[in-house]
Amino acid sequence: MSQATVNAVQMQGIEKSFGSNPVLKKVDFSVKVGEVHALAGENGAGKSTLMKILQGVYTKDAGTISVAGVPVEITDTFDARKAGVGMVFQEFSLIPTLTVAQNIYLTNEPTKFGLISDSKAKEMAAELFEQMQVVVDPSSTVENLPTALWQLTEIAKALAQDAKVLIMDEPTASLAKHEAEALFDLIVRLKAKGIAIIYISHRMDEVYRIADRITVLRDGVRVLTESLAQVTPVQIVEAIVGRTSAAHLVHLDRSSKISREIVLEVENLSSGTKLVDVSFSVQKGEILGLAGLMGSGRTELLNTIFGVAKANTGTIRINGKQVKISSPREAIKNRIALIPEDRRSQGLVLDHPVTENLTLPVIDSLKSRGFLSTKKILQKSLEIIQQFAIKAAQPSIRVGALSGGNQQKVVIGKWLATDPSILMMDEPTAGVDIGTKSEILDLVRAIADSGKSVILSSSELPELLAVSDRILVLKDGKVLTSLQRNEIPNEEFLQLAIQGAQK
């Protein structure tokens, strides 16, 4: 029997309920030796629960698990590690103040003469990275490393525990494009060594790039398992959302909804070396897209307008009146809101409840006789939760416990509660499932239809083309060109413009 036909893991009839809520319903899933098997589905579809059962975080209610053809009972993470199952977390599990080597061998430290030996750990880590064909200094403190090396350290940690199966949860979510490319190269090498990889991702381009098969879960049920060579992206999306879902990527002509009234004018705006003499304007009801490569200045532009970054030169006018914005507080006073790129570190207080996160920007309006009103806070929270269909077991739940898509809805909901006239959104669909992406893009259109102006920065070109009325292309902190949506025939044309090859 060849390596490609042997199941590294086989899960059959897996069931799991939390209270009276069934989360997994007789799910079958397998990954072969030396295979990359993608796992997809909307937030709440059961992906994480299924993988946490394999990882030993949860115990199954029913079903069987076999590893390399041998039935196993996985009741905790120790059982999973013993069976050769390793997890590469999206939200890193490393301890920042320890060295790379110390993190890799944490709780499994090598010894010399009966004592823990850091030097031996460094030697062993160096050998491991050499086998992975990547360059990481084992003696570096993790907090001083770029994100990409945290990811490699996570993988090395799993391999050091003799993992034969790696679960990767949105592994490129925090990586730049060149870092993601290096990760893909590593995955190819791990496959060649017979490592089985379960790859959880919402990004179809990545799935088709590296995966051999895909399984889709919807509402706790397996609805599709197929070779990537035998299924189209449209079929996958339809399986994920349970309906034909290319509609959200179809551009709708909104010219009748856009007023001639100019709401925002930016003239010769500069910030350090990352933003140079940027000028543009936005009309009432218009959706202005920002396109550009990593480092093009898209995020810096939004941060400077919002007062997060300091402007060295330039003028900002709102409704024809010049304003000085040197802090987010001043931006909010001028009815500007920003949905930041990194919702977890910039948009949310993860350890605080949903209610506090939703009402933080409007907290002053929720007082009664000079004191904060618990009743008003709860009432406002429930109003936003209902408006944006936020799935939370209860308003008091910690916001960090919500899925990525629902966290993003909390960020959008809390800023829309301030009733901005200008809403800026930086990568608003990053790390959310396809169904939530569709909801967010529909929401962007509805916000603009209501008369607000939207500036949307995204590296997802199909989404940018779907919702933008006009696209500003940036490169090296400068505006390269401004294109009306009807001037852009296809994604390739926009890609050339971003590269500076299309004027």
Protein backbone atom coordinates (compact mmCIF):
# COMPACT_ATOMS: atom_id res chain seq x y z
CA MET A 1 0.00 0.00 0.00
CA SER A 2 1.46 3.38 -1.02
CA GLN A 3 2.01 6.26 1.40
CA ALA A 4 -0.69 8.34 -0.33
CA THR A 5 -3.43 5.77 0.38
CA VAL A 6 -2.72 5.18 4.09
CA ASN A 7 -4.87 7.15 6.54
CA ALA A 8 -2.77 8.97 9.11
CA VAL A 9 -6.01 9.78 10.95
CA GLN A 10 -9.54 8.47 10.49
CA MET A 11 -12.48 9.91 12.44
CA GLN A 12 -15.85 8.19 11.99
CA GLY A 13 -19.32 9.11 13.24
CA ILE A 14 -18.03 11.87 15.52
CA GLU A 15 -20.74 13.50 17.62
CA LYS A 16 -20.47 16.34 20.11
CA SER A 17 -23.06 18.43 21.94
CA PHE A 18 -22.75 21.28 24.40
CA GLY A 19 -25.79 21.01 26.63
CA SER A 20 -28.79 20.57 24.35
CA ASN A 21 -26.94 22.07 21.37
CA PRO A 22 -25.53 19.45 18.93
CA VAL A 23 -22.35 20.83 17.35
CA LEU A 24 -21.15 17.75 15.42
CA LYS A 25 -23.53 15.21 13.90
CA LYS A 26 -21.97 11.89 12.84
CA VAL A 27 -19.01 13.54 11.10
CA ASP A 28 -16.52 11.43 9.12
CA PHE A 29 -13.09 12.89 8.40
CA SER A 30 -9.71 11.44 7.39
CA VAL A 31 -6.29 12.68 6.31
CA LYS A 32 -3.75 10.50 4.51
CA VAL A 33 -0.04 10.19 5.15
CA GLY A 34 1.77 12.95 3.24
CA GLU A 35 -1.49 14.72 2.35
CA VAL A 36 -2.74 18.26 2.91
CA HIS A 37 -6.47 18.04 3.65
CA ALA A 38 -8.24 21.42 3.83
CA LEU A 39 -11.08 21.87 6.31
CA ALA A 40 -13.56 24.65 5.52
CA GLY A 41 -16.87 25.98 6.76
CA GLU A 42 -18.45 29.07 8.23
CA ASN A 43 -17.72 30.16 11.78
CA GLY A 44 -19.76 27.85 13.99
CA ALA A 45 -19.87 25.04 11.41
CA GLY A 46 -17.96 22.68 13.74
CA LYS A 47 -14.40 22.84 12.33
CA SER A 48 -12.75 23.94 15.56
CA THR A 49 -14.77 21.49 17.66
CA LEU A 50 -13.79 18.56 15.41
CA MET A 51 -10.12 19.51 15.58
CA LYS A 52 -10.24 20.12 19.35
CA ILE A 53 -11.55 16.56 19.73
CA LEU A 54 -8.60 15.29 17.70
CA GLN A 55 -6.29 17.50 19.73
CA GLY A 56 -7.73 16.29 23.06
CA VAL A 57 -9.16 19.63 24.21
CA TYR A 58 -12.71 18.21 23.98
CA THR A 59 -13.86 14.62 24.33
CA LYS A 60 -16.26 13.19 21.75
CA ASP A 61 -19.75 12.02 22.72
CA ALA A 62 -19.76 9.26 20.09
CA GLY A 63 -17.67 7.93 17.20
CA THR A 64 -14.23 6.40 16.72
CA ILE A 65 -10.73 7.71 16.01
CA SER A 66 -7.89 5.71 14.48
CA VAL A 67 -4.30 6.89 14.05
CA ALA A 68 -2.19 5.00 11.49
CA GLY A 69 -4.91 2.33 11.45
CA VAL A 70 -4.87 1.79 15.22
CA PRO A 71 -7.98 2.75 17.29
CA VAL A 72 -7.13 5.34 19.96
CA GLU A 73 -8.97 7.08 22.78
CA ILE A 74 -8.01 10.76 22.97
CA THR A 75 -9.24 12.24 26.24
CA ASP A 76 -6.66 15.00 26.72
CA THR A 77 -3.82 16.78 24.93
CA PHE A 78 -1.30 14.28 26.33
CA ASP A 79 -3.15 11.45 24.55
CA ALA A 80 -3.12 13.47 21.31
CA ARG A 81 0.59 14.23 21.59
CA LYS A 82 1.31 10.56 22.32
CA ALA A 83 -0.68 9.62 19.19
CA GLY A 84 1.42 12.03 17.12
CA VAL A 85 -1.11 14.85 16.67
CA GLY A 86 0.28 18.40 16.83
CA MET A 87 -1.49 21.75 16.61
CA VAL A 88 -0.17 24.99 15.10
CA PHE A 89 -2.36 27.66 16.65
CA GLN A 90 -3.72 30.73 14.85
CA GLU A 91 -3.44 32.62 18.13
CA PHE A 92 0.08 31.63 19.07
CA SER A 93 0.64 29.48 22.18
CA LEU A 94 4.26 30.52 22.67
CA ILE A 95 5.59 32.28 25.78
CA PRO A 96 7.13 35.55 24.49
CA THR A 97 9.72 35.95 27.26
CA LEU A 98 11.29 32.52 26.67
CA THR A 99 13.78 31.67 23.93
CA VAL A 100 12.82 29.77 20.79
CA ALA A 101 14.51 26.61 22.11
CA GLN A 102 12.84 26.90 25.53
CA ASN A 103 9.43 27.21 23.88
CA ILE A 104 10.02 24.22 21.62
CA TYR A 105 10.96 21.91 24.49
CA LEU A 106 8.70 23.39 27.18
CA THR A 107 7.56 20.57 29.54
CA ASN A 108 9.84 18.22 27.59
CA GLU A 109 13.20 19.80 28.41
CA PRO A 110 16.37 17.84 27.53
CA THR A 111 18.67 17.16 30.47
CA LYS A 112 22.38 16.79 31.06
CA PHE A 113 23.64 15.08 34.23
CA GLY A 114 20.06 15.11 35.51
CA LEU A 115 19.66 18.90 35.09
CA ILE A 116 17.71 20.85 32.45
CA SER A 117 20.16 21.85 29.74
CA ASP A 118 19.45 25.00 27.71
CA SER A 119 22.54 24.39 25.58
CA LYS A 120 21.29 20.93 24.60
CA ALA A 121 17.84 22.37 23.81
CA LYS A 122 19.49 24.93 21.50
CA GLU A 123 21.48 22.20 19.73
CA MET A 124 18.40 20.06 19.25
CA ALA A 125 16.33 23.05 18.04
CA ALA A 126 19.06 24.01 15.57
CA GLU A 127 19.02 20.46 14.15
CA LEU A 128 15.24 20.61 13.88
CA PHE A 129 15.30 23.90 11.95
CA GLU A 130 18.02 22.48 9.69
CA GLN A 131 15.77 19.51 8.88
CA MET A 132 12.92 21.96 8.18
CA GLN A 133 15.35 23.92 5.94
CA VAL A 134 14.51 27.23 7.61
CA VAL A 135 16.70 29.76 9.43
CA VAL A 136 15.69 30.57 13.01
CA ASP A 137 18.08 31.38 15.88
CA PRO A 138 17.14 29.01 18.78
CA SER A 139 18.65 31.40 21.33
CA SER A 140 16.48 34.38 20.29
CA THR A 141 13.78 35.52 22.69
CA VAL A 142 10.42 34.92 20.98
CA GLU A 143 9.03 38.42 21.65
CA ASN A 144 11.86 39.89 19.55
CA LEU A 145 11.02 37.79 16.48
CA PRO A 146 8.77 38.69 13.54
CA THR A 147 5.42 36.90 13.28
CA ALA A 148 6.62 34.51 10.56
CA LEU A 149 9.28 33.07 12.88
CA TRP A 150 6.70 32.59 15.64
CA GLN A 151 4.82 30.42 13.15
CA LEU A 152 7.94 28.39 12.33
CA THR A 153 8.64 27.96 16.05
CA GLU A 154 5.10 26.64 16.56
CA ILE A 155 5.66 24.09 13.79
CA ALA A 156 9.06 23.09 15.19
CA LYS A 157 7.46 22.65 18.63
CA ALA A 158 4.94 20.20 17.19
CA LEU A 159 7.61 18.30 15.23
CA ALA A 160 9.82 18.09 18.34
CA GLN A 161 6.97 16.12 19.94
CA ASP A 162 7.22 13.67 17.03
CA ALA A 163 3.98 14.85 15.41
CA LYS A 164 2.92 12.83 12.39
CA VAL A 165 -0.23 14.92 11.94
CA LEU A 166 -0.18 18.73 11.99
CA ILE A 167 -3.34 20.80 12.41
CA MET A 168 -2.80 24.31 10.99
CA ASP A 169 -5.50 26.84 11.87
CA GLU A 170 -5.47 29.85 9.51
CA PRO A 171 -1.65 29.76 9.47
CA THR A 172 -1.22 32.72 7.08
CA ALA A 173 -3.64 35.07 8.88
CA SER A 174 -0.79 37.13 10.38
CA LEU A 175 1.79 36.65 7.62
CA ALA A 176 2.93 38.94 4.82
CA LYS A 177 2.78 37.53 1.29
CA HIS A 178 6.48 36.53 1.11
CA GLU A 179 6.22 34.91 4.56
CA ALA A 180 3.18 32.92 3.42
CA GLU A 181 5.15 31.75 0.37
CA ALA A 182 7.93 30.47 2.66
CA LEU A 183 5.32 28.61 4.74
CA PHE A 184 3.89 26.95 1.61
CA ASP A 185 7.38 25.79 0.63
CA LEU A 186 7.81 24.29 4.10
CA ILE A 187 4.46 22.50 3.85
CA VAL A 188 5.62 20.88 0.60
CA ARG A 189 8.75 19.62 2.37
CA LEU A 190 6.74 18.32 5.34
CA LYS A 191 4.43 16.44 2.94
CA ALA A 192 7.46 14.82 1.32
CA LYS A 193 8.51 13.56 4.78
CA GLY A 194 5.12 11.88 5.19
CA ILE A 195 3.61 14.44 7.58
CA ALA A 196 -0.18 14.67 7.25
CA ILE A 197 -1.50 18.23 7.42
CA ILE A 198 -5.02 19.39 8.22
CA TYR A 199 -5.25 22.94 6.87
CA ILE A 200 -8.07 25.17 8.16
CA SER A 201 -8.52 28.22 5.96
CA HIS A 202 -11.13 30.58 4.50
CA ARG A 203 -8.81 31.51 1.61
CA MET A 204 -9.66 29.56 -1.53
CA ASP A 205 -6.49 30.61 -3.37
CA GLU A 206 -4.37 29.05 -0.61
CA VAL A 207 -6.49 25.91 -0.48
CA TYR A 208 -6.08 25.32 -4.21
CA ARG A 209 -2.39 26.16 -3.97
CA ILE A 210 -1.41 23.55 -1.38
CA ALA A 211 -4.26 21.15 -0.54
CA ASP A 212 -4.98 17.74 -2.08
CA ARG A 213 -8.52 17.32 -0.74
CA ILE A 214 -11.12 19.44 1.00
CA THR A 215 -13.86 18.69 3.50
CA VAL A 216 -16.64 21.20 4.15
CA LEU A 217 -18.71 21.24 7.33
CA ARG A 218 -22.00 23.10 7.60
CA ASP A 219 -24.08 23.24 10.79
CA GLY A 220 -22.13 20.34 12.29
CA VAL A 221 -22.62 18.06 9.27
CA ARG A 222 -20.05 17.01 6.66
CA VAL A 223 -21.53 18.19 3.36
CA LEU A 224 -18.55 17.72 1.03
CA THR A 225 -15.29 15.77 0.79
CA GLU A 226 -13.62 15.93 -2.58
CA SER A 227 -10.29 16.12 -4.39
CA LEU A 228 -9.47 19.75 -5.22
CA ALA A 229 -8.92 18.65 -8.82
CA GLN A 230 -12.57 17.57 -8.98
CA VAL A 231 -14.33 20.57 -7.44
CA THR A 232 -14.59 24.26 -8.37
CA PRO A 233 -14.29 27.24 -5.98
CA VAL A 234 -17.93 28.09 -6.68
CA GLN A 235 -19.01 24.57 -5.64
CA ILE A 236 -16.98 24.87 -2.43
CA VAL A 237 -18.51 28.25 -1.57
CA GLU A 238 -22.00 26.89 -2.24
CA ALA A 239 -21.28 23.92 0.05
CA ILE A 240 -20.02 26.25 2.79
CA VAL A 241 -22.98 28.63 2.80
CA GLY A 242 -25.68 26.24 1.56
CA ARG A 243 -26.72 28.43 -1.32
CA THR A 244 -25.41 29.95 -4.55
CA SER A 245 -23.11 32.60 -3.15
CA ALA A 246 -21.20 34.38 -5.89
CA ALA A 247 -23.73 37.21 -5.71
CA HIS A 248 -21.77 39.19 -3.09
CA LEU A 249 -18.83 39.40 -5.52
CA VAL A 250 -20.92 40.87 -8.33
CA HIS A 251 -20.43 44.61 -8.74
CA LEU A 252 -23.61 46.68 -8.52
CA ASP A 253 -23.78 50.11 -10.15
CA ARG A 254 -24.37 52.60 -7.31
CA SER A 255 -23.89 55.83 -9.29
CA SER A 256 -27.46 56.96 -8.49
CA LYS A 257 -26.73 56.67 -4.74
CA ILE A 258 -23.66 58.94 -4.81
CA SER A 259 -24.12 62.64 -4.14
CA ARG A 260 -21.96 65.33 -5.76
CA GLU A 261 -21.37 66.69 -2.26
CA ILE A 262 -17.73 66.20 -1.20
CA VAL A 263 -17.54 65.01 2.41
CA LEU A 264 -13.79 64.47 2.80
CA GLU A 265 -10.88 66.22 1.09
CA VAL A 266 -7.28 65.21 1.73
CA GLU A 267 -4.55 67.40 0.26
CA ASN A 268 -0.79 66.70 0.22
CA LEU A 269 -0.97 64.49 3.32
CA SER A 270 2.37 63.08 4.47
CA SER A 271 3.36 60.98 7.48
CA GLY A 272 7.02 60.10 8.02
CA THR A 273 8.41 58.20 5.04
CA LYS A 274 5.36 55.93 4.65
CA LEU A 275 2.94 58.49 3.25
CA VAL A 276 4.00 61.12 0.71
CA ASP A 277 1.82 64.00 -0.59
CA VAL A 278 -1.41 62.01 -0.82
CA SER A 279 -4.41 63.89 -2.21
CA PHE A 280 -7.94 62.66 -2.88
CA SER A 281 -11.58 63.36 -2.07
CA VAL A 282 -14.64 61.28 -1.18
CA GLN A 283 -18.25 62.08 -2.05
CA LYS A 284 -21.29 61.50 0.12
CA GLY A 285 -22.55 57.91 -0.31
CA GLU A 286 -19.42 56.83 -2.19
CA ILE A 287 -17.39 53.67 -1.51
CA LEU A 288 -13.73 54.45 -2.20
CA GLY A 289 -11.50 51.38 -2.39
CA LEU A 290 -7.81 51.47 -1.51
CA ALA A 291 -5.61 49.00 -3.40
CA GLY A 292 -1.89 48.36 -3.14
CA LEU A 293 0.77 45.87 -2.15
CA MET A 294 1.97 45.33 1.42
CA GLY A 295 3.74 48.52 2.49
CA SER A 296 1.99 50.65 -0.13
CA GLY A 297 0.67 53.02 2.54
CA ARG A 298 -2.97 51.95 2.70
CA THR A 299 -3.03 51.36 6.47
CA GLU A 300 -0.82 54.39 7.12
CA LEU A 301 -3.26 56.60 5.20
CA LEU A 302 -6.24 55.48 7.27
CA ASN A 303 -4.29 55.74 10.53
CA THR A 304 -3.14 59.29 9.69
CA ILE A 305 -6.67 60.48 8.84
CA PHE A 306 -7.90 58.92 12.12
CA GLY A 307 -5.13 60.57 14.17
CA VAL A 308 -3.36 57.33 15.14
CA ALA A 309 -0.30 58.32 13.09
CA LYS A 310 1.03 61.87 13.06
CA ALA A 311 0.73 63.94 9.88
CA ASN A 312 3.86 65.91 8.99
CA THR A 313 2.22 67.97 6.26
CA GLY A 314 -1.12 68.25 4.54
CA THR A 315 -4.68 69.44 4.96
CA ILE A 316 -7.88 67.58 5.81
CA ARG A 317 -11.29 69.14 5.12
CA ILE A 318 -14.63 67.74 6.20
CA ASN A 319 -17.68 69.21 4.47
CA GLY A 320 -15.44 71.99 3.18
CA LYS A 321 -14.12 72.97 6.61
CA GLN A 322 -10.44 72.46 7.46
CA VAL A 323 -9.93 70.30 10.55
CA LYS A 324 -6.89 69.32 12.60
CA ILE A 325 -6.93 65.68 13.69
CA SER A 326 -4.09 64.68 15.99
CA SER A 327 -5.87 61.91 17.93
CA PRO A 328 -8.67 59.37 17.45
CA ARG A 329 -10.79 61.39 19.91
CA GLU A 330 -10.68 64.36 17.51
CA ALA A 331 -11.48 62.07 14.57
CA ILE A 332 -14.55 60.73 16.39
CA LYS A 333 -15.69 64.32 17.16
CA ASN A 334 -15.52 64.95 13.42
CA ARG A 335 -17.71 61.85 12.84
CA ILE A 336 -14.94 59.65 11.46
CA ALA A 337 -14.69 55.99 12.50
CA LEU A 338 -12.00 53.38 11.74
CA ILE A 339 -12.36 49.61 11.68
CA PRO A 340 -8.69 48.64 12.28
CA GLU A 341 -6.78 45.92 10.46
CA ASP A 342 -6.03 43.86 13.58
CA ARG A 343 -9.32 43.53 15.44
CA ARG A 344 -7.82 41.49 18.29
CA SER A 345 -5.13 43.96 19.36
CA GLN A 346 -6.61 47.24 18.08
CA GLY A 347 -10.37 46.80 17.87
CA LEU A 348 -11.35 44.78 20.96
CA VAL A 349 -10.62 44.31 24.64
CA LEU A 350 -10.60 40.52 24.47
CA ASP A 351 -10.98 39.79 28.18
CA HIS A 352 -13.97 42.12 28.55
CA PRO A 353 -17.59 41.16 27.82
CA VAL A 354 -19.40 41.82 24.56
CA THR A 355 -21.52 44.53 26.24
CA GLU A 356 -18.50 46.62 27.25
CA ASN A 357 -16.84 46.26 23.84
CA LEU A 358 -20.01 47.26 21.97
CA THR A 359 -20.69 50.36 24.04
CA LEU A 360 -17.16 51.67 24.71
CA PRO A 361 -17.19 54.41 22.00
CA VAL A 362 -20.64 55.69 23.10
CA ILE A 363 -20.29 55.14 26.84
CA ASP A 364 -20.92 58.83 27.69
CA SER A 365 -24.41 58.60 26.18
CA LEU A 366 -25.35 55.67 28.42
CA LYS A 367 -25.44 57.51 31.72
CA SER A 368 -28.35 58.14 34.03
CA ARG A 369 -28.08 61.03 36.51
CA GLY A 370 -24.35 61.22 35.95
CA PHE A 371 -23.70 57.51 36.48
CA LEU A 372 -23.32 54.68 33.96
CA SER A 373 -26.61 52.86 33.53
CA THR A 374 -26.31 49.07 33.41
CA LYS A 375 -29.80 48.97 31.91
CA LYS A 376 -28.89 51.36 29.09
CA ILE A 377 -25.62 49.50 28.37
CA LEU A 378 -27.45 46.18 28.08
CA GLN A 379 -30.25 47.71 25.99
CA LYS A 380 -27.77 49.30 23.56
CA SER A 381 -25.75 46.07 23.35
CA LEU A 382 -28.82 43.96 22.57
CA GLU A 383 -29.84 46.48 19.91
CA ILE A 384 -26.44 46.19 18.15
CA ILE A 385 -26.33 42.39 18.57
CA GLN A 386 -29.71 42.10 16.87
CA GLN A 387 -28.88 44.63 14.14
CA PHE A 388 -25.69 42.85 13.09
CA ALA A 389 -26.79 39.27 13.83
CA ILE A 390 -23.90 38.75 16.27
CA LYS A 391 -23.87 35.18 17.55
CA ALA A 392 -23.10 35.32 21.26
CA ALA A 393 -24.48 32.90 23.86
CA GLN A 394 -25.18 35.91 26.06
CA PRO A 395 -24.18 39.61 26.00
CA SER A 396 -21.98 39.16 29.08
CA ILE A 397 -19.76 36.53 27.40
CA ARG A 398 -16.09 37.44 26.97
CA VAL A 399 -15.66 38.85 23.44
CA GLY A 400 -12.45 36.81 22.98
CA ALA A 401 -14.60 33.65 23.13
CA LEU A 402 -16.51 34.61 19.97
CA SER A 403 -15.61 33.39 16.50
CA GLY A 404 -13.51 35.66 14.27
CA GLY A 405 -16.51 36.68 12.19
CA ASN A 406 -18.57 37.62 15.22
CA GLN A 407 -15.66 39.54 16.73
CA GLN A 408 -15.47 41.55 13.52
CA LYS A 409 -19.20 42.25 13.68
CA VAL A 410 -18.69 43.57 17.23
CA VAL A 411 -15.98 45.96 15.98
CA ILE A 412 -18.14 47.18 13.10
CA GLY A 413 -21.24 47.45 15.29
CA LYS A 414 -19.56 49.45 18.03
CA TRP A 415 -18.17 52.03 15.60
CA LEU A 416 -21.41 52.38 13.64
CA ALA A 417 -23.06 53.12 17.00
CA THR A 418 -21.14 56.45 16.94
CA ASP A 419 -23.11 57.38 13.77
CA PRO A 420 -20.06 58.37 11.68
CA SER A 421 -20.44 60.23 8.39
CA ILE A 422 -17.14 58.72 7.20
CA LEU A 423 -16.42 55.04 7.90
CA MET A 424 -12.91 53.75 7.17
CA MET A 425 -12.38 49.97 7.07
CA ASP A 426 -8.97 48.28 6.96
CA GLU A 427 -9.13 44.63 5.76
CA PRO A 428 -12.66 44.19 7.18
CA THR A 429 -13.05 40.60 5.90
CA ALA A 430 -9.64 39.26 6.99
CA GLY A 431 -9.87 35.93 8.80
CA VAL A 432 -13.65 35.55 8.59
CA ASP A 433 -15.63 32.83 6.84
CA ILE A 434 -17.21 33.21 3.40
CA GLY A 435 -20.73 33.65 4.74
CA THR A 436 -19.63 36.47 7.07
CA LYS A 437 -17.62 38.05 4.23
CA SER A 438 -20.83 38.18 2.21
CA GLU A 439 -22.66 39.80 5.15
CA ILE A 440 -19.91 42.40 5.63
CA LEU A 441 -19.81 43.35 1.94
CA ASP A 442 -23.61 43.67 1.87
CA LEU A 443 -23.33 45.82 5.00
CA VAL A 444 -20.74 48.08 3.34
CA ARG A 445 -23.16 48.70 0.46
CA ALA A 446 -26.03 49.38 2.87
CA ILE A 447 -23.93 51.84 4.90
CA ALA A 448 -23.06 53.80 1.76
CA ASP A 449 -26.68 53.61 0.54
CA SER A 450 -27.71 55.32 3.79
CA GLY A 451 -25.62 58.36 2.81
CA LYS A 452 -22.40 57.64 4.69
CA SER A 453 -19.05 57.67 2.90
CA VAL A 454 -16.89 54.53 3.10
CA ILE A 455 -13.15 54.14 2.54
CA LEU A 456 -12.33 50.44 2.22
CA SER A 457 -8.77 49.10 2.19
CA SER A 458 -8.41 45.45 1.16
CA SER A 459 -5.87 43.04 -0.30
CA GLU A 460 -8.78 40.87 -1.50
CA LEU A 461 -9.14 42.25 -5.03
CA PRO A 462 -12.41 40.42 -5.94
CA GLU A 463 -14.06 41.95 -2.87
CA LEU A 464 -12.61 45.38 -3.59
CA LEU A 465 -13.92 45.23 -7.15
CA ALA A 466 -17.33 44.03 -5.95
CA VAL A 467 -18.11 46.96 -3.63
CA SER A 468 -16.01 49.95 -4.73
CA ASP A 469 -17.37 52.81 -6.80
CA ARG A 470 -13.84 54.10 -7.33
CA ILE A 471 -10.42 52.67 -6.48
CA LEU A 472 -7.35 54.60 -5.38
CA VAL A 473 -4.14 52.68 -6.11
CA LEU A 474 -1.21 53.36 -3.78
CA LYS A 475 2.46 52.43 -4.10
CA ASP A 476 5.38 53.41 -1.84
CA GLY A 477 3.16 55.80 0.11
CA LYS A 478 1.99 57.70 -2.97
CA VAL A 479 -1.19 57.70 -5.06
CA LEU A 480 -0.34 55.91 -8.28
CA THR A 481 -3.71 56.33 -9.97
CA SER A 482 -7.43 56.77 -9.35
CA LEU A 483 -9.81 54.55 -11.33
CA GLN A 484 -13.57 54.62 -11.66
CA ARG A 485 -14.95 51.11 -11.20
CA ASN A 486 -16.32 51.07 -14.75
CA GLU A 487 -12.78 51.71 -16.03
CA ILE A 488 -11.58 48.38 -14.58
CA PRO A 489 -12.56 45.47 -16.86
CA ASN A 490 -11.20 42.66 -14.65
CA GLU A 491 -9.01 41.70 -11.73
CA GLU A 492 -5.92 41.32 -13.95
CA PHE A 493 -6.22 44.97 -15.03
CA LEU A 494 -6.29 46.10 -11.38
CA GLN A 495 -3.37 43.83 -10.52
CA LEU A 496 -1.31 45.46 -13.27
CA ALA A 497 -2.28 48.90 -11.98
CA ILE A 498 -1.11 47.93 -8.49
CA GLN A 499 2.22 46.77 -9.92
CA GLY A 500 2.56 50.16 -11.63
CA ALA A 501 2.29 48.62 -15.10
CA GLN A 502 -1.15 50.06 -15.85
CA LYS A 503 -2.03 53.71 -15.91
